Each structure stands twice: as C-alpha cells, then as structure tokens.
Amino acid sequence: LFSNCLGYFYTICWTLDGYPQLIKNALRRDTSGLAVDYLFLNFIGFAAWTVYNVAMLLDEDVRRAFRSRNGGRDPLVEPH
C-alpha cells in the first residue's frame, strides 16, 4: 500500500511540476523564466519512463530477461 501511494505521489508531482511556471508565464505574457530545455528533457524523461513501464508490464521477453537477471523474481510493475 505504501509503495503504491508513494508511486502515485511521485507520478503526480512529476506531472505537475512544470505547470506553475507555465501559468506564471501565461499570466505575465512573458517567457523569461521558462527553460525550453527543461520542458523538452522532462517530456523525454516521462516518455522513456512510460516506455519502460509498458515494456515491463506487457512484453513477456522483457519480463523473462528481468527474471533471469534477478533470481527469478517478477518485475514490480503492476497495472493500476
């Protein structure tokens, strides 16, 4: 239960972390505080994290490789 709550909290924080700056820029009608690199890299990181989790959840070859390298244990990725 704690692990699930922590995972949800982490995902929500990561998803929402860029919005305050975007809202501030929209209200000011100025992008002086916005780092485009940050937004781009955050998007790339989120996409990579999504691909990793989907592969661990749905691809049996990936799950088999994980088991062979981790003493037969299943990946901890679960659908919610």
C-alpha atoms as a PDB file:
ATOM      1  CA  LEU A   1       0.000   0.000   0.000  1.00  0.00           C
ATOM      2  CA  PHE A   2       2.752   2.441   0.942  1.00  0.00           C
ATOM      3  CA  SER A   3       4.636   1.682  -2.265  1.00  0.00           C
ATOM      4  CA  ASN A   4       1.524   2.319  -4.363  1.00  0.00           C
ATOM      5  CA  CYS A   5       0.808   5.617  -2.598  1.00  0.00           C
ATOM      6  CA  LEU A   6       4.408   6.709  -2.997  1.00  0.00           C
ATOM      7  CA  GLY A   7       4.326   5.812  -6.690  1.00  0.00           C
ATOM      8  CA  TYR A   8       1.125   7.775  -7.274  1.00  0.00           C
ATOM      9  CA  PHE A   9       2.506  10.751  -5.341  1.00  0.00           C
ATOM     10  CA  TYR A  10       5.745  10.702  -7.349  1.00  0.00           C
ATOM     11  CA  THR A  11       3.887  10.489 -10.662  1.00  0.00           C
ATOM     12  CA  ILE A  12       1.535  13.327  -9.752  1.00  0.00           C
ATOM     13  CA  CYS A  13       4.411  15.553  -8.597  1.00  0.00           C
ATOM     14  CA  TRP A  14       6.424  14.835 -11.730  1.00  0.00           C
ATOM     15  CA  THR A  15       3.421  15.535 -13.932  1.00  0.00           C
ATOM     16  CA  LEU A  16       2.522  18.811 -12.220  1.00  0.00           C
ATOM     17  CA  ASP A  17       5.995  20.240 -11.610  1.00  0.00           C
ATOM     18  CA  GLY A  18       6.108  22.359 -14.771  1.00  0.00           C
ATOM     19  CA  TYR A  19       2.646  23.916 -14.542  1.00  0.00           C
ATOM     20  CA  PRO A  20       3.348  26.738 -12.046  1.00  0.00           C
ATOM     21  CA  GLN A  21       5.988  28.229 -14.328  1.00  0.00           C
ATOM     22  CA  LEU A  22       3.763  27.852 -17.397  1.00  0.00           C
ATOM     23  CA  ILE A  23       0.862  29.550 -15.610  1.00  0.00           C
ATOM     24  CA  LYS A  24       3.133  32.348 -14.386  1.00  0.00           C
ATOM     25  CA  ASN A  25       4.431  32.899 -17.920  1.00  0.00           C
ATOM     26  CA  ALA A  26       0.919  32.920 -19.366  1.00  0.00           C
ATOM     27  CA  LEU A  27      -0.265  35.490 -16.823  1.00  0.00           C
ATOM     28  CA  ARG A  28       2.792  37.696 -17.438  1.00  0.00           C
ATOM     29  CA  ARG A  29       2.679  37.060 -21.184  1.00  0.00           C
ATOM     30  CA  ASP A  30       6.433  36.601 -20.974  1.00  0.00           C
ATOM     31  CA  THR A  31       8.670  33.535 -21.216  1.00  0.00           C
ATOM     32  CA  SER A  32      11.747  34.955 -19.487  1.00  0.00           C
ATOM     33  CA  GLY A  33      11.607  32.345 -16.701  1.00  0.00           C
ATOM     34  CA  LEU A  34      10.963  29.363 -18.943  1.00  0.00           C
ATOM     35  CA  ALA A  35      13.764  26.990 -19.874  1.00  0.00           C
ATOM     36  CA  VAL A  36      12.750  25.194 -23.057  1.00  0.00           C
ATOM     37  CA  ASP A  37      15.447  22.586 -22.432  1.00  0.00           C
ATOM     38  CA  TYR A  38      13.823  21.699 -19.121  1.00  0.00           C
ATOM     39  CA  LEU A  39      10.423  21.156 -20.727  1.00  0.00           C
ATOM     40  CA  PHE A  40      11.932  19.117 -23.556  1.00  0.00           C
ATOM     41  CA  LEU A  41      14.055  16.931 -21.269  1.00  0.00           C
ATOM     42  CA  ASN A  42      11.172  16.445 -18.845  1.00  0.00           C
ATOM     43  CA  PHE A  43       8.971  15.267 -21.721  1.00  0.00           C
ATOM     44  CA  ILE A  44      11.709  12.884 -22.952  1.00  0.00           C
ATOM     45  CA  GLY A  45      12.166  11.519 -19.426  1.00  0.00           C
ATOM     46  CA  PHE A  46       8.437  10.984 -18.964  1.00  0.00           C
ATOM     47  CA  ALA A  47       8.201   9.238 -22.356  1.00  0.00           C
ATOM     48  CA  ALA A  48      11.154   6.959 -21.513  1.00  0.00           C
ATOM     49  CA  TRP A  49       9.628   6.136 -18.119  1.00  0.00           C
ATOM     50  CA  THR A  50       6.321   5.269 -19.835  1.00  0.00           C
ATOM     51  CA  VAL A  51       8.010   3.002 -22.401  1.00  0.00           C
ATOM     52  CA  TYR A  52       9.952   1.246 -19.624  1.00  0.00           C
ATOM     53  CA  ASN A  53       6.815   0.590 -17.575  1.00  0.00           C
ATOM     54  CA  VAL A  54       4.735  -0.551 -20.537  1.00  0.00           C
ATOM     55  CA  ALA A  55       7.532  -2.918 -21.631  1.00  0.00           C
ATOM     56  CA  MET A  56       7.882  -4.329 -18.100  1.00  0.00           C
ATOM     57  CA  LEU A  57       4.145  -4.809 -17.890  1.00  0.00           C
ATOM     58  CA  LEU A  58       3.252  -6.177 -21.320  1.00  0.00           C
ATOM     59  CA  ASP A  59       6.334  -7.621 -23.055  1.00  0.00           C
ATOM     60  CA  GLU A  60       6.968 -11.199 -21.942  1.00  0.00           C
ATOM     61  CA  ASP A  61      10.510 -11.190 -23.396  1.00  0.00           C
ATOM     62  CA  VAL A  62      11.417  -8.192 -21.239  1.00  0.00           C
ATOM     63  CA  ARG A  63       9.827  -9.811 -18.163  1.00  0.00           C
ATOM     64  CA  ARG A  64      11.696 -13.066 -18.867  1.00  0.00           C
ATOM     65  CA  ALA A  65      15.008 -11.190 -19.187  1.00  0.00           C
ATOM     66  CA  PHE A  66      14.284  -9.385 -15.914  1.00  0.00           C
ATOM     67  CA  ARG A  67      13.565 -12.703 -14.165  1.00  0.00           C
ATOM     68  CA  SER A  68      16.747 -14.312 -15.488  1.00  0.00           C
ATOM     69  CA  ARG A  69      18.867 -11.420 -14.161  1.00  0.00           C
ATOM     70  CA  ASN A  70      17.073 -11.104 -10.818  1.00  0.00           C
ATOM     71  CA  GLY A  71      16.879 -14.585  -9.372  1.00  0.00           C
ATOM     72  CA  GLY A  72      13.514 -15.458 -10.874  1.00  0.00           C
ATOM     73  CA  ARG A  73      11.695 -12.512  -9.283  1.00  0.00           C
ATOM     74  CA  ASP A  74       8.970 -10.781 -11.307  1.00  0.00           C
ATOM     75  CA  PRO A  75       9.206  -7.060 -12.054  1.00  0.00           C
ATOM     76  CA  LEU A  76       7.297  -4.940  -9.553  1.00  0.00           C
ATOM     77  CA  VAL A  77       5.463  -3.019 -12.291  1.00  0.00           C
ATOM     78  CA  GLU A  78       1.712  -3.537 -11.846  1.00  0.00           C
ATOM     79  CA  PRO A  79      -1.325  -2.073 -13.611  1.00  0.00           C
ATOM     80  CA  HIS A  80      -3.413   0.385 -11.589  1.00  0.00           C
END
